[in-house]
Amino acid sequence: MKDLLPDTPPHGVLGAISRHLLRAELLLGAALAAVIFALIPANAVLRHYGQPLLWAEEMAVHLMVWLAFIGGSVCIATRQHMAIGLLPDRLSPKGRQRLAVLCDLLVLCFLLVMAWLCWLWFDPVGLWRAGDARSYAQASFNFTWSEPMLTMHLRKVWFWLIVPVSLAVAVVHALAVLADDIAGRIPPRSEVPA
């Protein structure tokens, strides 16, 4: 886990919040990976003996989706998302800083658009006005809050909530990275994890 934490200490309150959220994400991601790793082989063994866990595959898929969203947020915090080094390597330090700020702003804009789409998808105001998930689904044909899982007696929304939560955390990470880049605290290429 320490390998994924940035070498440079966080700057300011936002950086400290980002670092604490990153640690929580890394712990949760490790726990999810362990559960998935245990669930799939356990189901295979039990299926061999005629006692399959009918819910195991569906649960594993949802947990992998959680892992993907958490991983995306971690990549923003640790600056490990995909990048092409050809252009930044040819720029001056000031040019690299400007390019980093531009990229940070684009990432932040993407996250904010995703957050807006998520707001429209979940439509908490519409749900509140309808009073309950069933009435909301009948009035809006939006079954986000009422769609059940196939093999478990849970609503899918409890797993889908990872989307707005991970977006909110990713926005905090993006703002922390942006603040560092604006202040000129861009780690040299050798310090950015490969």
N, C-alpha and C. Protein backbone atom coordinates (compact mmCIF):
# COMPACT_ATOMS: atom_id res chain seq x y z
N MET A 1 0.82 -1.19 0.00
CA MET A 1 0.00 0.00 0.00
C MET A 1 0.87 1.25 0.00
N LYS A 2 1.98 1.21 0.71
CA LYS A 2 2.83 2.40 0.78
C LYS A 2 3.43 2.73 -0.58
N ASP A 3 3.56 1.74 -1.46
CA ASP A 3 4.09 2.00 -2.79
C ASP A 3 3.17 2.88 -3.61
N LEU A 4 1.88 2.85 -3.33
CA LEU A 4 0.93 3.64 -4.09
C LEU A 4 0.76 5.05 -3.55
N LEU A 5 1.16 5.27 -2.30
CA LEU A 5 1.05 6.63 -1.75
C LEU A 5 2.11 7.51 -2.38
N PRO A 6 1.75 8.72 -2.76
CA PRO A 6 2.74 9.62 -3.37
C PRO A 6 3.89 9.91 -2.40
N ASP A 7 5.11 10.02 -2.97
CA ASP A 7 6.29 10.31 -2.16
C ASP A 7 6.24 11.71 -1.57
N THR A 8 5.70 12.64 -2.32
CA THR A 8 5.65 14.01 -1.84
C THR A 8 4.46 14.15 -0.89
N PRO A 9 4.66 14.80 0.27
CA PRO A 9 3.56 14.93 1.22
C PRO A 9 2.47 15.82 0.64
N PRO A 10 1.24 15.62 1.07
CA PRO A 10 0.15 16.46 0.55
C PRO A 10 0.33 17.90 1.02
N HIS A 11 -0.14 18.80 0.23
CA HIS A 11 -0.01 20.22 0.55
C HIS A 11 -1.38 20.77 0.91
N GLY A 12 -1.47 21.41 2.03
CA GLY A 12 -2.71 22.04 2.44
C GLY A 12 -3.74 21.06 2.96
N VAL A 13 -4.85 21.62 3.36
CA VAL A 13 -5.94 20.83 3.93
C VAL A 13 -6.51 19.87 2.88
N LEU A 14 -6.69 20.36 1.67
CA LEU A 14 -7.24 19.54 0.60
C LEU A 14 -6.34 18.34 0.30
N GLY A 15 -5.04 18.56 0.30
CA GLY A 15 -4.09 17.47 0.09
C GLY A 15 -4.15 16.44 1.20
N ALA A 16 -4.30 16.91 2.43
CA ALA A 16 -4.39 15.98 3.57
C ALA A 16 -5.67 15.16 3.49
N ILE A 17 -6.78 15.79 3.12
CA ILE A 17 -8.05 15.06 2.96
C ILE A 17 -7.91 14.03 1.85
N SER A 18 -7.29 14.43 0.75
CA SER A 18 -7.08 13.53 -0.37
C SER A 18 -6.26 12.31 0.05
N ARG A 19 -5.22 12.56 0.83
CA ARG A 19 -4.35 11.45 1.27
C ARG A 19 -5.10 10.49 2.18
N HIS A 20 -5.93 11.01 3.08
CA HIS A 20 -6.73 10.13 3.96
C HIS A 20 -7.75 9.33 3.16
N LEU A 21 -8.38 9.98 2.20
CA LEU A 21 -9.33 9.26 1.34
C LEU A 21 -8.62 8.19 0.52
N LEU A 22 -7.42 8.51 0.05
CA LEU A 22 -6.64 7.54 -0.72
C LEU A 22 -6.33 6.30 0.11
N ARG A 23 -5.92 6.50 1.34
CA ARG A 23 -5.64 5.35 2.22
C ARG A 23 -6.89 4.48 2.40
N ALA A 24 -8.04 5.14 2.62
CA ALA A 24 -9.29 4.39 2.78
C ALA A 24 -9.63 3.62 1.50
N GLU A 25 -9.42 4.27 0.35
CA GLU A 25 -9.70 3.60 -0.92
C GLU A 25 -8.79 2.39 -1.12
N LEU A 26 -7.53 2.54 -0.78
CA LEU A 26 -6.60 1.42 -0.94
C LEU A 26 -6.97 0.25 -0.03
N LEU A 27 -7.37 0.54 1.19
CA LEU A 27 -7.79 -0.52 2.10
C LEU A 27 -9.07 -1.20 1.60
N LEU A 28 -10.04 -0.40 1.18
CA LEU A 28 -11.27 -0.95 0.65
C LEU A 28 -11.02 -1.76 -0.61
N GLY A 29 -10.17 -1.25 -1.48
CA GLY A 29 -9.84 -1.99 -2.71
C GLY A 29 -9.18 -3.32 -2.41
N ALA A 30 -8.27 -3.35 -1.45
CA ALA A 30 -7.63 -4.61 -1.07
C ALA A 30 -8.65 -5.58 -0.49
N ALA A 31 -9.56 -5.07 0.33
CA ALA A 31 -10.59 -5.93 0.92
C ALA A 31 -11.52 -6.49 -0.17
N LEU A 32 -11.91 -5.64 -1.12
CA LEU A 32 -12.77 -6.11 -2.21
C LEU A 32 -12.07 -7.17 -3.06
N ALA A 33 -10.80 -6.93 -3.37
CA ALA A 33 -10.05 -7.91 -4.16
C ALA A 33 -9.96 -9.24 -3.42
N ALA A 34 -9.77 -9.19 -2.10
CA ALA A 34 -9.69 -10.42 -1.31
C ALA A 34 -11.04 -11.16 -1.31
N VAL A 35 -12.12 -10.41 -1.17
CA VAL A 35 -13.46 -11.05 -1.18
C VAL A 35 -13.72 -11.69 -2.53
N ILE A 36 -13.42 -10.97 -3.61
CA ILE A 36 -13.63 -11.53 -4.96
C ILE A 36 -12.77 -12.78 -5.15
N PHE A 37 -11.51 -12.69 -4.72
CA PHE A 37 -10.59 -13.81 -4.86
C PHE A 37 -11.07 -15.03 -4.07
N ALA A 38 -11.70 -14.81 -2.93
CA ALA A 38 -12.21 -15.92 -2.13
C ALA A 38 -13.55 -16.44 -2.67
N LEU A 39 -14.37 -15.56 -3.16
CA LEU A 39 -15.73 -15.90 -3.58
C LEU A 39 -15.76 -16.80 -4.81
N ILE A 40 -14.99 -16.48 -5.81
CA ILE A 40 -15.03 -17.23 -7.06
C ILE A 40 -14.54 -18.67 -6.88
N PRO A 41 -13.38 -18.92 -6.27
CA PRO A 41 -12.96 -20.31 -6.07
C PRO A 41 -13.90 -21.07 -5.12
N ALA A 42 -14.41 -20.39 -4.10
CA ALA A 42 -15.34 -21.06 -3.18
C ALA A 42 -16.58 -21.52 -3.93
N ASN A 43 -17.08 -20.69 -4.81
CA ASN A 43 -18.25 -21.06 -5.61
C ASN A 43 -17.93 -22.22 -6.54
N ALA A 44 -16.73 -22.20 -7.13
CA ALA A 44 -16.35 -23.31 -8.04
C ALA A 44 -16.27 -24.63 -7.28
N VAL A 45 -15.68 -24.62 -6.09
CA VAL A 45 -15.58 -25.84 -5.29
C VAL A 45 -16.95 -26.31 -4.86
N LEU A 46 -17.77 -25.40 -4.37
CA LEU A 46 -19.12 -25.79 -3.92
C LEU A 46 -19.99 -26.26 -5.09
N ARG A 47 -19.80 -25.67 -6.26
CA ARG A 47 -20.54 -26.13 -7.44
C ARG A 47 -20.16 -27.56 -7.78
N HIS A 48 -18.88 -27.88 -7.63
CA HIS A 48 -18.42 -29.25 -7.89
C HIS A 48 -19.14 -30.26 -6.99
N TYR A 49 -19.44 -29.85 -5.76
CA TYR A 49 -20.13 -30.74 -4.82
C TYR A 49 -21.65 -30.57 -4.84
N GLY A 50 -22.15 -29.84 -5.84
CA GLY A 50 -23.59 -29.71 -6.02
C GLY A 50 -24.25 -28.69 -5.12
N GLN A 51 -23.49 -27.80 -4.48
CA GLN A 51 -24.03 -26.78 -3.60
C GLN A 51 -23.53 -25.39 -3.99
N PRO A 52 -23.81 -24.95 -5.21
CA PRO A 52 -23.24 -23.66 -5.64
C PRO A 52 -23.83 -22.49 -4.85
N LEU A 53 -23.03 -21.46 -4.75
CA LEU A 53 -23.51 -20.19 -4.20
C LEU A 53 -24.13 -19.43 -5.37
N LEU A 54 -25.43 -19.47 -5.47
CA LEU A 54 -26.11 -18.89 -6.63
C LEU A 54 -25.85 -17.39 -6.79
N TRP A 55 -25.58 -16.73 -5.70
CA TRP A 55 -25.40 -15.28 -5.72
C TRP A 55 -23.95 -14.87 -5.93
N ALA A 56 -23.02 -15.81 -5.90
CA ALA A 56 -21.59 -15.47 -5.90
C ALA A 56 -21.14 -14.74 -7.16
N GLU A 57 -21.58 -15.20 -8.32
CA GLU A 57 -21.13 -14.55 -9.56
C GLU A 57 -21.66 -13.13 -9.68
N GLU A 58 -22.93 -12.95 -9.34
CA GLU A 58 -23.51 -11.61 -9.42
C GLU A 58 -22.82 -10.67 -8.42
N MET A 59 -22.56 -11.17 -7.23
CA MET A 59 -21.86 -10.37 -6.22
C MET A 59 -20.45 -10.03 -6.69
N ALA A 60 -19.75 -11.00 -7.25
CA ALA A 60 -18.38 -10.76 -7.72
C ALA A 60 -18.35 -9.70 -8.82
N VAL A 61 -19.32 -9.74 -9.72
CA VAL A 61 -19.38 -8.73 -10.79
C VAL A 61 -19.57 -7.34 -10.21
N HIS A 62 -20.50 -7.20 -9.27
CA HIS A 62 -20.74 -5.89 -8.66
C HIS A 62 -19.52 -5.40 -7.88
N LEU A 63 -18.85 -6.32 -7.19
CA LEU A 63 -17.66 -5.92 -6.44
C LEU A 63 -16.52 -5.52 -7.37
N MET A 64 -16.43 -6.17 -8.54
CA MET A 64 -15.41 -5.77 -9.53
C MET A 64 -15.70 -4.38 -10.07
N VAL A 65 -16.98 -4.06 -10.25
CA VAL A 65 -17.33 -2.70 -10.68
C VAL A 65 -16.92 -1.69 -9.61
N TRP A 66 -17.18 -2.03 -8.35
CA TRP A 66 -16.73 -1.16 -7.26
C TRP A 66 -15.22 -0.96 -7.34
N LEU A 67 -14.51 -2.06 -7.54
CA LEU A 67 -13.05 -2.00 -7.61
C LEU A 67 -12.58 -1.11 -8.76
N ALA A 68 -13.27 -1.17 -9.89
CA ALA A 68 -12.90 -0.34 -11.04
C ALA A 68 -13.10 1.15 -10.74
N PHE A 69 -14.22 1.51 -10.12
CA PHE A 69 -14.46 2.92 -9.80
C PHE A 69 -13.48 3.42 -8.74
N ILE A 70 -13.21 2.60 -7.75
CA ILE A 70 -12.23 2.98 -6.73
C ILE A 70 -10.85 3.12 -7.36
N GLY A 71 -10.50 2.20 -8.25
CA GLY A 71 -9.21 2.25 -8.93
C GLY A 71 -9.05 3.50 -9.77
N GLY A 72 -10.11 3.93 -10.42
CA GLY A 72 -10.05 5.17 -11.21
C GLY A 72 -9.76 6.37 -10.34
N SER A 73 -10.40 6.42 -9.19
CA SER A 73 -10.17 7.51 -8.26
C SER A 73 -8.74 7.48 -7.70
N VAL A 74 -8.26 6.27 -7.40
CA VAL A 74 -6.88 6.12 -6.90
C VAL A 74 -5.88 6.59 -7.95
N CYS A 75 -6.14 6.29 -9.21
CA CYS A 75 -5.23 6.72 -10.28
C CYS A 75 -5.14 8.23 -10.38
N ILE A 76 -6.24 8.91 -10.14
CA ILE A 76 -6.21 10.37 -10.16
C ILE A 76 -5.36 10.89 -9.01
N ALA A 77 -5.55 10.31 -7.82
CA ALA A 77 -4.82 10.78 -6.63
C ALA A 77 -3.32 10.51 -6.74
N THR A 78 -2.95 9.39 -7.36
CA THR A 78 -1.53 9.01 -7.42
C THR A 78 -0.88 9.38 -8.74
N ARG A 79 -1.64 10.05 -9.61
CA ARG A 79 -1.14 10.45 -10.93
C ARG A 79 -0.69 9.24 -11.75
N GLN A 80 -1.41 8.15 -11.62
CA GLN A 80 -1.05 6.94 -12.35
C GLN A 80 -1.98 6.66 -13.51
N HIS A 81 -2.82 7.62 -13.89
CA HIS A 81 -3.64 7.41 -15.06
C HIS A 81 -2.75 7.49 -16.31
N MET A 82 -3.27 7.02 -17.40
CA MET A 82 -2.47 6.97 -18.62
C MET A 82 -2.01 8.36 -19.02
N ALA A 83 -0.79 8.43 -19.48
CA ALA A 83 -0.23 9.70 -19.95
C ALA A 83 0.78 9.42 -21.05
N ILE A 84 0.92 10.38 -21.93
CA ILE A 84 1.92 10.28 -22.98
C ILE A 84 3.00 11.28 -22.63
N GLY A 85 4.21 10.80 -22.45
CA GLY A 85 5.31 11.63 -21.98
C GLY A 85 6.05 12.38 -23.07
N LEU A 86 5.73 12.15 -24.32
CA LEU A 86 6.47 12.76 -25.41
C LEU A 86 6.42 14.29 -25.36
N LEU A 87 5.22 14.85 -25.24
CA LEU A 87 5.08 16.31 -25.23
C LEU A 87 5.62 16.92 -23.94
N PRO A 88 5.22 16.44 -22.76
CA PRO A 88 5.75 17.07 -21.53
C PRO A 88 7.27 17.01 -21.43
N ASP A 89 7.87 15.93 -21.93
CA ASP A 89 9.33 15.81 -21.85
C ASP A 89 10.05 16.86 -22.69
N ARG A 90 9.39 17.38 -23.71
CA ARG A 90 10.02 18.37 -24.59
C ARG A 90 9.74 19.81 -24.16
N LEU A 91 8.87 19.98 -23.16
CA LEU A 91 8.51 21.33 -22.72
C LEU A 91 9.43 21.82 -21.61
N SER A 92 9.45 23.12 -21.46
CA SER A 92 10.18 23.73 -20.33
C SER A 92 9.40 23.43 -19.05
N PRO A 93 10.00 23.64 -17.89
CA PRO A 93 9.27 23.42 -16.63
C PRO A 93 7.96 24.22 -16.56
N LYS A 94 8.00 25.48 -17.02
CA LYS A 94 6.78 26.29 -17.02
C LYS A 94 5.74 25.72 -17.98
N GLY A 95 6.19 25.25 -19.15
CA GLY A 95 5.29 24.63 -20.11
C GLY A 95 4.68 23.35 -19.56
N ARG A 96 5.50 22.55 -18.85
CA ARG A 96 4.99 21.31 -18.22
C ARG A 96 3.93 21.64 -17.18
N GLN A 97 4.19 22.72 -16.43
CA GLN A 97 3.21 23.12 -15.42
C GLN A 97 1.89 23.53 -16.07
N ARG A 98 1.96 24.32 -17.12
CA ARG A 98 0.74 24.74 -17.81
C ARG A 98 -0.01 23.55 -18.40
N LEU A 99 0.73 22.62 -18.99
CA LEU A 99 0.10 21.43 -19.55
C LEU A 99 -0.54 20.59 -18.45
N ALA A 100 0.14 20.46 -17.32
CA ALA A 100 -0.41 19.69 -16.19
C ALA A 100 -1.70 20.32 -15.68
N VAL A 101 -1.71 21.65 -15.57
CA VAL A 101 -2.92 22.35 -15.11
C VAL A 101 -4.05 22.15 -16.11
N LEU A 102 -3.75 22.25 -17.40
CA LEU A 102 -4.77 22.03 -18.42
C LEU A 102 -5.34 20.62 -18.31
N CYS A 103 -4.48 19.63 -18.17
CA CYS A 103 -4.94 18.24 -18.04
C CYS A 103 -5.77 18.05 -16.78
N ASP A 104 -5.33 18.67 -15.68
CA ASP A 104 -6.09 18.60 -14.43
C ASP A 104 -7.48 19.19 -14.60
N LEU A 105 -7.55 20.33 -15.30
CA LEU A 105 -8.85 20.96 -15.53
C LEU A 105 -9.75 20.09 -16.40
N LEU A 106 -9.17 19.43 -17.39
CA LEU A 106 -9.96 18.53 -18.23
C LEU A 106 -10.49 17.34 -17.42
N VAL A 107 -9.64 16.78 -16.56
CA VAL A 107 -10.08 15.67 -15.70
C VAL A 107 -11.19 16.15 -14.78
N LEU A 108 -11.02 17.32 -14.19
CA LEU A 108 -12.03 17.87 -13.29
C LEU A 108 -13.34 18.13 -14.03
N CYS A 109 -13.26 18.67 -15.23
CA CYS A 109 -14.48 18.89 -16.04
C CYS A 109 -15.18 17.57 -16.33
N PHE A 110 -14.41 16.55 -16.70
CA PHE A 110 -14.99 15.23 -16.95
C PHE A 110 -15.71 14.71 -15.71
N LEU A 111 -15.07 14.82 -14.55
CA LEU A 111 -15.68 14.34 -13.31
C LEU A 111 -16.95 15.11 -12.98
N LEU A 112 -16.94 16.41 -13.21
CA LEU A 112 -18.13 17.21 -12.93
C LEU A 112 -19.28 16.87 -13.88
N VAL A 113 -18.97 16.63 -15.14
CA VAL A 113 -20.02 16.19 -16.09
C VAL A 113 -20.58 14.84 -15.66
N MET A 114 -19.70 13.93 -15.27
CA MET A 114 -20.15 12.61 -14.79
C MET A 114 -21.01 12.76 -13.53
N ALA A 115 -20.63 13.67 -12.64
CA ALA A 115 -21.42 13.90 -11.43
C ALA A 115 -22.81 14.44 -11.78
N TRP A 116 -22.87 15.34 -12.77
CA TRP A 116 -24.16 15.87 -13.20
C TRP A 116 -25.02 14.75 -13.79
N LEU A 117 -24.44 13.91 -14.64
CA LEU A 117 -25.18 12.79 -15.22
C LEU A 117 -25.64 11.82 -14.13
N CYS A 118 -24.81 11.64 -13.14
CA CYS A 118 -25.16 10.78 -12.02
C CYS A 118 -26.35 11.37 -11.24
N TRP A 119 -26.33 12.67 -11.06
CA TRP A 119 -27.45 13.36 -10.40
C TRP A 119 -28.74 13.13 -11.18
N LEU A 120 -28.66 13.26 -12.49
CA LEU A 120 -29.85 13.03 -13.32
C LEU A 120 -30.31 11.58 -13.25
N TRP A 121 -29.36 10.66 -13.22
CA TRP A 121 -29.67 9.23 -13.18
C TRP A 121 -30.36 8.87 -11.86
N PHE A 122 -29.78 9.28 -10.74
CA PHE A 122 -30.34 8.94 -9.44
C PHE A 122 -31.56 9.79 -9.09
N ASP A 123 -31.61 11.00 -9.59
CA ASP A 123 -32.72 11.93 -9.39
C ASP A 123 -33.27 11.90 -7.96
N PRO A 124 -32.43 12.29 -6.98
CA PRO A 124 -32.90 12.24 -5.59
C PRO A 124 -34.08 13.17 -5.31
N VAL A 125 -34.18 14.28 -6.03
CA VAL A 125 -35.30 15.20 -5.83
C VAL A 125 -36.59 14.53 -6.30
N GLY A 126 -36.55 13.87 -7.44
CA GLY A 126 -37.72 13.16 -7.94
C GLY A 126 -38.15 12.04 -7.01
N LEU A 127 -37.19 11.32 -6.47
CA LEU A 127 -37.50 10.26 -5.51
C LEU A 127 -38.13 10.85 -4.26
N TRP A 128 -37.59 11.95 -3.78
CA TRP A 128 -38.12 12.59 -2.57
C TRP A 128 -39.56 13.07 -2.81
N ARG A 129 -39.81 13.65 -3.98
CA ARG A 129 -41.16 14.12 -4.29
C ARG A 129 -42.15 12.97 -4.41
N ALA A 130 -41.70 11.84 -4.97
CA ALA A 130 -42.59 10.69 -5.15
C ALA A 130 -42.90 10.01 -3.82
N GLY A 131 -41.99 10.10 -2.88
CA GLY A 131 -42.24 9.52 -1.57
C GLY A 131 -41.63 8.15 -1.35
N ASP A 132 -41.61 7.32 -2.39
CA ASP A 132 -40.97 6.00 -2.26
C ASP A 132 -40.52 5.53 -3.64
N ALA A 133 -39.69 4.49 -3.64
CA ALA A 133 -39.08 4.02 -4.89
C ALA A 133 -40.10 3.48 -5.88
N ARG A 134 -41.10 2.80 -5.38
CA ARG A 134 -42.11 2.22 -6.27
C ARG A 134 -42.92 3.31 -6.99
N SER A 135 -43.38 4.30 -6.24
CA SER A 135 -44.15 5.41 -6.85
C SER A 135 -43.27 6.18 -7.83
N TYR A 136 -42.02 6.38 -7.46
CA TYR A 136 -41.08 7.08 -8.34
C TYR A 136 -40.91 6.33 -9.65
N ALA A 137 -40.74 5.01 -9.58
CA ALA A 137 -40.55 4.20 -10.79
C ALA A 137 -41.80 4.25 -11.67
N GLN A 138 -42.98 4.23 -11.08
CA GLN A 138 -44.22 4.28 -11.86
C GLN A 138 -44.39 5.63 -12.54
N ALA A 139 -44.01 6.68 -11.87
CA ALA A 139 -44.20 8.02 -12.42
C ALA A 139 -43.14 8.39 -13.46
N SER A 140 -41.91 7.90 -13.29
CA SER A 140 -40.81 8.37 -14.13
C SER A 140 -40.24 7.31 -15.06
N PHE A 141 -40.61 6.06 -14.88
CA PHE A 141 -40.01 4.93 -15.60
C PHE A 141 -38.51 4.83 -15.35
N ASN A 142 -38.06 5.38 -14.23
CA ASN A 142 -36.68 5.28 -13.79
C ASN A 142 -36.66 4.27 -12.65
N PHE A 143 -36.09 3.10 -12.90
CA PHE A 143 -36.12 2.01 -11.92
C PHE A 143 -34.83 1.91 -11.12
N THR A 144 -34.06 2.99 -11.11
CA THR A 144 -32.78 3.00 -10.40
C THR A 144 -32.94 2.60 -8.94
N TRP A 145 -33.94 3.13 -8.29
CA TRP A 145 -34.11 2.92 -6.85
C TRP A 145 -34.86 1.64 -6.51
N SER A 146 -35.45 0.97 -7.50
CA SER A 146 -36.28 -0.20 -7.17
C SER A 146 -35.86 -1.49 -7.85
N GLU A 147 -34.91 -1.44 -8.80
CA GLU A 147 -34.54 -2.65 -9.52
C GLU A 147 -33.83 -3.66 -8.61
N PRO A 148 -34.38 -4.88 -8.53
CA PRO A 148 -33.76 -5.89 -7.66
C PRO A 148 -32.64 -6.63 -8.36
N MET A 149 -31.76 -7.21 -7.55
CA MET A 149 -30.73 -8.09 -8.09
C MET A 149 -31.39 -9.42 -8.43
N LEU A 150 -30.78 -10.19 -9.31
CA LEU A 150 -31.39 -11.44 -9.75
C LEU A 150 -31.33 -12.54 -8.70
N THR A 151 -30.23 -12.64 -7.99
CA THR A 151 -30.04 -13.77 -7.09
C THR A 151 -30.03 -13.41 -5.62
N MET A 152 -29.98 -12.14 -5.32
CA MET A 152 -29.95 -11.72 -3.92
C MET A 152 -31.16 -10.83 -3.65
N HIS A 153 -31.56 -10.74 -2.44
CA HIS A 153 -32.73 -9.93 -2.09
C HIS A 153 -32.29 -8.52 -1.71
N LEU A 154 -31.57 -7.90 -2.61
CA LEU A 154 -31.11 -6.52 -2.45
C LEU A 154 -31.47 -5.73 -3.69
N ARG A 155 -31.55 -4.44 -3.52
CA ARG A 155 -31.73 -3.57 -4.69
C ARG A 155 -30.37 -3.23 -5.26
N LYS A 156 -30.30 -3.12 -6.57
CA LYS A 156 -29.03 -2.81 -7.24
C LYS A 156 -28.50 -1.44 -6.86
N VAL A 157 -29.38 -0.56 -6.44
CA VAL A 157 -28.95 0.80 -6.13
C VAL A 157 -27.87 0.82 -5.05
N TRP A 158 -27.88 -0.15 -4.14
CA TRP A 158 -26.88 -0.17 -3.08
C TRP A 158 -25.49 -0.41 -3.66
N PHE A 159 -25.42 -1.08 -4.79
CA PHE A 159 -24.13 -1.27 -5.46
C PHE A 159 -23.84 -0.12 -6.40
N TRP A 160 -24.87 0.46 -6.99
CA TRP A 160 -24.68 1.57 -7.91
C TRP A 160 -24.25 2.85 -7.21
N LEU A 161 -24.46 2.94 -5.92
CA LEU A 161 -24.07 4.14 -5.18
C LEU A 161 -22.56 4.37 -5.19
N ILE A 162 -21.79 3.37 -5.60
CA ILE A 162 -20.34 3.56 -5.72
C ILE A 162 -20.03 4.64 -6.75
N VAL A 163 -20.91 4.81 -7.72
CA VAL A 163 -20.64 5.79 -8.78
C VAL A 163 -20.59 7.21 -8.22
N PRO A 164 -21.64 7.70 -7.55
CA PRO A 164 -21.53 9.07 -7.02
C PRO A 164 -20.49 9.20 -5.91
N VAL A 165 -20.33 8.16 -5.10
CA VAL A 165 -19.34 8.24 -4.01
C VAL A 165 -17.93 8.33 -4.59
N SER A 166 -17.62 7.46 -5.55
CA SER A 166 -16.27 7.49 -6.14
C SER A 166 -16.04 8.78 -6.93
N LEU A 167 -17.08 9.31 -7.55
CA LEU A 167 -16.93 10.59 -8.26
C LEU A 167 -16.64 11.72 -7.28
N ALA A 168 -17.32 11.73 -6.15
CA ALA A 168 -17.07 12.78 -5.16
C ALA A 168 -15.63 12.70 -4.64
N VAL A 169 -15.17 11.49 -4.36
CA VAL A 169 -13.80 11.32 -3.86
C VAL A 169 -12.80 11.69 -4.96
N ALA A 170 -13.08 11.30 -6.20
CA ALA A 170 -12.19 11.63 -7.31
C ALA A 170 -12.11 13.14 -7.52
N VAL A 171 -13.21 13.86 -7.30
CA VAL A 171 -13.18 15.33 -7.42
C VAL A 171 -12.25 15.91 -6.35
N VAL A 172 -12.29 15.38 -5.14
CA VAL A 172 -11.37 15.86 -4.09
C VAL A 172 -9.93 15.62 -4.52
N HIS A 173 -9.64 14.41 -5.03
CA HIS A 173 -8.28 14.11 -5.50
C HIS A 173 -7.87 15.06 -6.64
N ALA A 174 -8.79 15.26 -7.59
CA ALA A 174 -8.47 16.12 -8.74
C ALA A 174 -8.20 17.56 -8.30
N LEU A 175 -8.98 18.04 -7.34
CA LEU A 175 -8.75 19.40 -6.83
C LEU A 175 -7.41 19.50 -6.10
N ALA A 176 -7.05 18.46 -5.34
CA ALA A 176 -5.76 18.46 -4.64
C ALA A 176 -4.60 18.46 -5.63
N VAL A 177 -4.71 17.64 -6.67
CA VAL A 177 -3.67 17.58 -7.70
C VAL A 177 -3.60 18.91 -8.45
N LEU A 178 -4.75 19.47 -8.77
CA LEU A 178 -4.79 20.76 -9.46
C LEU A 178 -4.15 21.86 -8.61
N ALA A 179 -4.46 21.87 -7.32
CA ALA A 179 -3.86 22.89 -6.44
C ALA A 179 -2.34 22.76 -6.41
N ASP A 180 -1.84 21.52 -6.35
CA ASP A 180 -0.39 21.32 -6.37
C ASP A 180 0.21 21.78 -7.70
N ASP A 181 -0.46 21.47 -8.80
CA ASP A 181 0.08 21.84 -10.11
C ASP A 181 0.05 23.36 -10.32
N ILE A 182 -1.00 24.02 -9.85
CA ILE A 182 -1.06 25.48 -9.97
C ILE A 182 0.06 26.12 -9.16
N ALA A 183 0.33 25.54 -7.99
CA ALA A 183 1.39 26.08 -7.13
C ALA A 183 2.79 25.69 -7.62
N GLY A 184 2.86 24.90 -8.69
CA GLY A 184 4.16 24.51 -9.23
C GLY A 184 4.80 23.35 -8.51
N ARG A 185 4.02 22.59 -7.76
CA ARG A 185 4.56 21.44 -7.03
C ARG A 185 4.34 20.16 -7.83
N ILE A 186 4.68 20.20 -9.10
CA ILE A 186 4.55 19.03 -9.96
C ILE A 186 5.75 18.13 -9.70
N PRO A 187 5.50 16.85 -9.36
CA PRO A 187 6.65 15.97 -9.15
C PRO A 187 7.41 15.77 -10.44
N PRO A 188 8.73 15.69 -10.37
CA PRO A 188 9.50 15.41 -11.58
C PRO A 188 9.08 14.05 -12.14
N ARG A 189 9.35 13.83 -13.44
CA ARG A 189 8.93 12.58 -14.08
C ARG A 189 9.46 11.36 -13.34
N SER A 190 10.63 11.44 -12.73
CA SER A 190 11.20 10.29 -12.04
C SER A 190 10.43 9.97 -10.76
N GLU A 191 9.70 10.94 -10.18
CA GLU A 191 8.96 10.70 -8.95
C GLU A 191 7.54 10.24 -9.22
N VAL A 192 7.03 10.46 -10.42
CA VAL A 192 5.70 10.00 -10.74
C VAL A 192 5.76 8.49 -10.91
N PRO A 193 4.94 7.74 -10.13
CA PRO A 193 5.02 6.28 -10.23
C PRO A 193 4.77 5.79 -11.65
N ALA A 194 5.53 4.81 -12.08
CA ALA A 194 5.38 4.28 -13.43
C ALA A 194 4.39 3.15 -13.47
